[in-house]
Amino acid sequence: MNPDVDVQWKFFFYCDFLEDQRTINSQYYSEMLEHKVRPAIRRKRRGLLSKGVILQHDNAHPHTAQLTRDKLQELGWEVLPHPAYSPDLAPSDFYRAEYIR
């Protein structure tokens, strides 16, 4: 399967499929941002890179690691802050958390 970007208005969604048993670490995530996401934005949404990219991701370690933060700064991308626990942004996660208790 080939990863692709779905562009809606000025937003995009990037989806990539990993090999079996592959985990994402900060090295992989940083390389993906530069070598897969950035070219995909360039292909699908010309001009968006020069206007500025605002990235929304959660607080998973690969997303918040120093290596990733350095890469995002190098790319000049802004990151929207994501609350540590936000059931309003992920109602399905909230339901599971309540059920487990």
N, C-alpha and C. Protein backbone atom coordinates (compact mmCIF):
# COMPACT_ATOMS: atom_id res chain seq x y z
N MET A 1 0.83 -1.18 0.00
CA MET A 1 0.00 0.00 0.00
C MET A 1 0.88 1.24 0.00
N ASN A 2 0.45 2.25 -0.71
CA ASN A 2 1.19 3.50 -0.75
C ASN A 2 0.57 4.51 0.20
N PRO A 3 1.39 5.20 0.99
CA PRO A 3 0.85 6.24 1.84
C PRO A 3 0.34 7.39 0.98
N ASP A 4 -0.61 8.12 1.48
CA ASP A 4 -1.18 9.21 0.71
C ASP A 4 -1.61 10.32 1.65
N VAL A 5 -1.91 11.43 1.09
CA VAL A 5 -2.38 12.58 1.84
C VAL A 5 -3.75 12.96 1.32
N ASP A 6 -4.68 13.16 2.22
CA ASP A 6 -6.01 13.61 1.84
C ASP A 6 -6.10 15.10 2.18
N VAL A 7 -6.32 15.92 1.18
CA VAL A 7 -6.36 17.36 1.40
C VAL A 7 -7.80 17.82 1.45
N GLN A 8 -8.13 18.55 2.50
CA GLN A 8 -9.46 19.14 2.64
C GLN A 8 -9.25 20.57 3.07
N TRP A 9 -9.72 21.49 2.28
CA TRP A 9 -9.48 22.92 2.51
C TRP A 9 -7.98 23.14 2.59
N LYS A 10 -7.50 23.58 3.72
CA LYS A 10 -6.06 23.75 3.87
C LYS A 10 -5.51 22.77 4.88
N PHE A 11 -6.23 21.71 5.10
CA PHE A 11 -5.82 20.69 6.05
C PHE A 11 -5.43 19.44 5.29
N PHE A 12 -4.62 18.62 5.90
CA PHE A 12 -4.26 17.35 5.29
C PHE A 12 -4.18 16.28 6.37
N PHE A 13 -4.32 15.07 5.93
CA PHE A 13 -4.22 13.91 6.81
C PHE A 13 -3.22 12.96 6.17
N TYR A 14 -2.20 12.60 6.90
CA TYR A 14 -1.18 11.70 6.37
C TYR A 14 -1.34 10.33 7.01
N CYS A 15 -1.32 9.30 6.19
CA CYS A 15 -1.45 7.93 6.68
C CYS A 15 -0.33 7.10 6.06
N ASP A 16 0.36 6.37 6.89
CA ASP A 16 1.45 5.52 6.42
C ASP A 16 1.25 4.14 7.03
N PHE A 17 1.57 3.11 6.29
CA PHE A 17 1.42 1.75 6.77
C PHE A 17 2.80 1.19 7.10
N LEU A 18 2.93 0.66 8.30
CA LEU A 18 4.21 0.14 8.76
C LEU A 18 4.35 -1.34 8.44
N GLU A 19 5.60 -1.77 8.36
CA GLU A 19 5.87 -3.19 8.21
C GLU A 19 5.43 -3.90 9.49
N ASP A 20 5.16 -5.18 9.39
CA ASP A 20 4.80 -5.96 10.57
C ASP A 20 5.88 -5.85 11.64
N GLN A 21 5.45 -5.78 12.87
CA GLN A 21 6.33 -5.73 14.03
C GLN A 21 7.19 -4.46 14.10
N ARG A 22 6.86 -3.45 13.32
CA ARG A 22 7.62 -2.20 13.33
C ARG A 22 7.02 -1.27 14.38
N THR A 23 7.85 -0.63 15.16
CA THR A 23 7.38 0.37 16.10
C THR A 23 7.93 1.73 15.69
N ILE A 24 7.24 2.76 16.10
CA ILE A 24 7.65 4.11 15.76
C ILE A 24 8.44 4.68 16.94
N ASN A 25 9.64 5.13 16.66
CA ASN A 25 10.43 5.84 17.66
C ASN A 25 10.68 7.25 17.12
N SER A 26 11.37 8.07 17.89
CA SER A 26 11.55 9.46 17.48
C SER A 26 12.40 9.57 16.20
N GLN A 27 13.35 8.66 16.02
CA GLN A 27 14.16 8.68 14.80
C GLN A 27 13.29 8.41 13.58
N TYR A 28 12.47 7.36 13.66
CA TYR A 28 11.58 7.03 12.54
C TYR A 28 10.60 8.17 12.28
N TYR A 29 10.01 8.71 13.34
CA TYR A 29 9.00 9.76 13.20
C TYR A 29 9.61 11.02 12.57
N SER A 30 10.80 11.40 13.01
CA SER A 30 11.47 12.58 12.46
C SER A 30 11.79 12.39 10.98
N GLU A 31 12.28 11.21 10.63
CA GLU A 31 12.57 10.93 9.22
C GLU A 31 11.30 10.91 8.39
N MET A 32 10.22 10.39 8.95
CA MET A 32 8.95 10.36 8.24
C MET A 32 8.46 11.78 7.95
N LEU A 33 8.59 12.67 8.93
CA LEU A 33 8.16 14.06 8.73
C LEU A 33 8.91 14.70 7.57
N GLU A 34 10.21 14.49 7.54
CA GLU A 34 11.02 15.14 6.50
C GLU A 34 10.94 14.46 5.15
N HIS A 35 10.98 13.13 5.13
CA HIS A 35 11.11 12.42 3.86
C HIS A 35 9.81 11.87 3.30
N LYS A 36 8.73 11.89 4.07
CA LYS A 36 7.45 11.40 3.57
C LYS A 36 6.35 12.45 3.66
N VAL A 37 6.19 13.05 4.84
CA VAL A 37 5.09 14.01 5.02
C VAL A 37 5.35 15.29 4.23
N ARG A 38 6.54 15.85 4.36
CA ARG A 38 6.84 17.09 3.65
C ARG A 38 6.70 16.95 2.13
N PRO A 39 7.26 15.91 1.51
CA PRO A 39 7.05 15.75 0.07
C PRO A 39 5.58 15.52 -0.30
N ALA A 40 4.85 14.83 0.57
CA ALA A 40 3.43 14.60 0.30
C ALA A 40 2.65 15.91 0.33
N ILE A 41 2.99 16.78 1.27
CA ILE A 41 2.34 18.10 1.31
C ILE A 41 2.69 18.88 0.05
N ARG A 42 3.94 18.83 -0.35
CA ARG A 42 4.38 19.55 -1.55
C ARG A 42 3.61 19.05 -2.78
N ARG A 43 3.40 17.74 -2.88
CA ARG A 43 2.67 17.18 -4.03
C ARG A 43 1.20 17.54 -4.01
N LYS A 44 0.58 17.42 -2.84
CA LYS A 44 -0.87 17.55 -2.75
C LYS A 44 -1.35 18.98 -2.53
N ARG A 45 -0.51 19.81 -1.93
CA ARG A 45 -0.97 21.15 -1.56
C ARG A 45 0.15 22.16 -1.82
N ARG A 46 0.39 22.41 -3.09
CA ARG A 46 1.47 23.34 -3.47
C ARG A 46 1.30 24.68 -2.76
N GLY A 47 2.39 25.20 -2.28
CA GLY A 47 2.37 26.50 -1.63
C GLY A 47 2.14 26.46 -0.13
N LEU A 48 1.62 25.36 0.38
CA LEU A 48 1.32 25.29 1.81
C LEU A 48 2.59 25.32 2.65
N LEU A 49 3.65 24.69 2.17
CA LEU A 49 4.89 24.67 2.94
C LEU A 49 5.44 26.08 3.15
N SER A 50 5.32 26.93 2.14
CA SER A 50 5.85 28.30 2.27
C SER A 50 4.96 29.17 3.15
N LYS A 51 3.68 28.80 3.29
CA LYS A 51 2.76 29.57 4.13
C LYS A 51 2.85 29.15 5.58
N GLY A 52 3.40 27.99 5.82
CA GLY A 52 3.55 27.50 7.19
C GLY A 52 2.68 26.30 7.46
N VAL A 53 3.25 25.32 8.12
CA VAL A 53 2.55 24.10 8.46
C VAL A 53 2.29 24.11 9.96
N ILE A 54 1.06 23.79 10.34
CA ILE A 54 0.70 23.64 11.74
C ILE A 54 0.34 22.18 11.93
N LEU A 55 1.09 21.49 12.77
CA LEU A 55 0.94 20.05 12.96
C LEU A 55 0.17 19.75 14.23
N GLN A 56 -0.77 18.83 14.15
CA GLN A 56 -1.50 18.36 15.33
C GLN A 56 -1.19 16.88 15.50
N HIS A 57 -0.57 16.54 16.60
CA HIS A 57 -0.37 15.14 16.96
C HIS A 57 -0.50 15.03 18.47
N ASP A 58 -0.58 13.81 18.97
CA ASP A 58 -0.78 13.64 20.41
C ASP A 58 0.56 13.70 21.14
N ASN A 59 0.54 13.35 22.41
CA ASN A 59 1.74 13.46 23.23
C ASN A 59 2.52 12.15 23.36
N ALA A 60 2.39 11.28 22.37
CA ALA A 60 3.18 10.05 22.37
C ALA A 60 4.67 10.42 22.38
N HIS A 61 5.48 9.58 23.00
CA HIS A 61 6.90 9.90 23.15
C HIS A 61 7.60 10.24 21.83
N PRO A 62 7.37 9.49 20.74
CA PRO A 62 8.04 9.87 19.49
C PRO A 62 7.67 11.28 19.01
N HIS A 63 6.50 11.76 19.39
CA HIS A 63 6.05 13.09 18.96
C HIS A 63 6.65 14.20 19.81
N THR A 64 7.03 13.89 21.05
CA THR A 64 7.50 14.93 21.97
C THR A 64 8.99 14.83 22.27
N ALA A 65 9.67 13.84 21.74
CA ALA A 65 11.10 13.66 22.00
C ALA A 65 11.90 14.84 21.45
N GLN A 66 13.05 15.08 22.05
CA GLN A 66 13.90 16.21 21.64
C GLN A 66 14.27 16.12 20.17
N LEU A 67 14.57 14.93 19.69
CA LEU A 67 14.93 14.74 18.28
C LEU A 67 13.80 15.23 17.37
N THR A 68 12.57 14.89 17.71
CA THR A 68 11.41 15.32 16.92
C THR A 68 11.22 16.82 17.01
N ARG A 69 11.34 17.37 18.21
CA ARG A 69 11.19 18.82 18.37
C ARG A 69 12.24 19.57 17.56
N ASP A 70 13.46 19.05 17.54
CA ASP A 70 14.52 19.66 16.74
C ASP A 70 14.18 19.60 15.25
N LYS A 71 13.67 18.47 14.80
CA LYS A 71 13.30 18.31 13.39
C LYS A 71 12.18 19.27 13.01
N LEU A 72 11.18 19.39 13.88
CA LEU A 72 10.07 20.30 13.60
C LEU A 72 10.55 21.75 13.53
N GLN A 73 11.47 22.10 14.40
CA GLN A 73 12.04 23.45 14.36
C GLN A 73 12.83 23.66 13.07
N GLU A 74 13.58 22.66 12.67
CA GLU A 74 14.35 22.73 11.42
C GLU A 74 13.42 22.91 10.23
N LEU A 75 12.29 22.20 10.23
CA LEU A 75 11.32 22.30 9.14
C LEU A 75 10.53 23.60 9.20
N GLY A 76 10.54 24.24 10.37
CA GLY A 76 9.79 25.48 10.53
C GLY A 76 8.30 25.26 10.74
N TRP A 77 7.94 24.09 11.25
CA TRP A 77 6.54 23.75 11.48
C TRP A 77 6.14 24.07 12.90
N GLU A 78 4.92 24.55 13.05
CA GLU A 78 4.37 24.84 14.36
C GLU A 78 3.58 23.62 14.84
N VAL A 79 3.59 23.36 16.13
CA VAL A 79 2.84 22.24 16.69
C VAL A 79 1.75 22.80 17.59
N LEU A 80 0.52 22.38 17.34
CA LEU A 80 -0.57 22.75 18.24
C LEU A 80 -0.43 21.95 19.53
N PRO A 81 -0.52 22.60 20.67
CA PRO A 81 -0.41 21.85 21.93
C PRO A 81 -1.58 20.88 22.08
N HIS A 82 -1.30 19.76 22.65
CA HIS A 82 -2.31 18.73 22.87
C HIS A 82 -2.36 18.45 24.36
N PRO A 83 -3.50 18.66 25.00
CA PRO A 83 -3.59 18.41 26.45
C PRO A 83 -3.24 16.96 26.78
N ALA A 84 -2.68 16.76 27.96
CA ALA A 84 -2.27 15.42 28.37
C ALA A 84 -3.45 14.46 28.44
N TYR A 85 -4.59 14.94 28.89
CA TYR A 85 -5.78 14.10 28.98
C TYR A 85 -6.94 14.94 28.51
N SER A 86 -7.47 14.62 27.37
CA SER A 86 -8.50 15.45 26.78
C SER A 86 -9.63 14.60 26.23
N PRO A 87 -10.60 14.23 27.05
CA PRO A 87 -11.70 13.40 26.56
C PRO A 87 -12.55 14.11 25.51
N ASP A 88 -12.57 15.42 25.49
CA ASP A 88 -13.35 16.12 24.47
C ASP A 88 -12.74 15.97 23.08
N LEU A 89 -11.43 15.71 23.01
CA LEU A 89 -10.79 15.50 21.72
C LEU A 89 -10.82 14.04 21.28
N ALA A 90 -10.99 13.14 22.21
CA ALA A 90 -11.02 11.72 21.89
C ALA A 90 -12.06 11.02 22.76
N PRO A 91 -13.35 11.21 22.45
CA PRO A 91 -14.40 10.60 23.28
C PRO A 91 -14.28 9.09 23.40
N SER A 92 -13.78 8.43 22.37
CA SER A 92 -13.65 6.97 22.45
C SER A 92 -12.64 6.57 23.53
N ASP A 93 -11.57 7.31 23.65
CA ASP A 93 -10.59 7.03 24.70
C ASP A 93 -11.18 7.27 26.08
N PHE A 94 -11.97 8.32 26.21
CA PHE A 94 -12.61 8.64 27.49
C PHE A 94 -13.53 7.50 27.91
N TYR A 95 -14.31 6.97 26.97
CA TYR A 95 -15.22 5.87 27.28
C TYR A 95 -14.44 4.67 27.80
N ARG A 96 -13.35 4.33 27.13
CA ARG A 96 -12.55 3.19 27.55
C ARG A 96 -11.96 3.42 28.94
N ALA A 97 -11.48 4.61 29.21
CA ALA A 97 -10.88 4.90 30.51
C ALA A 97 -11.92 4.75 31.62
N GLU A 98 -13.12 5.21 31.40
CA GLU A 98 -14.17 5.10 32.41
C GLU A 98 -14.59 3.64 32.60
N TYR A 99 -14.61 2.89 31.52
CA TYR A 99 -15.02 1.49 31.59
C TYR A 99 -14.01 0.67 32.38
N ILE A 100 -12.74 0.97 32.21
CA ILE A 100 -11.67 0.22 32.89
C ILE A 100 -11.70 0.44 34.39
N ARG A 101 -12.05 1.65 34.82
CA ARG A 101 -12.08 1.96 36.25
C ARG A 101 -13.12 1.15 36.90
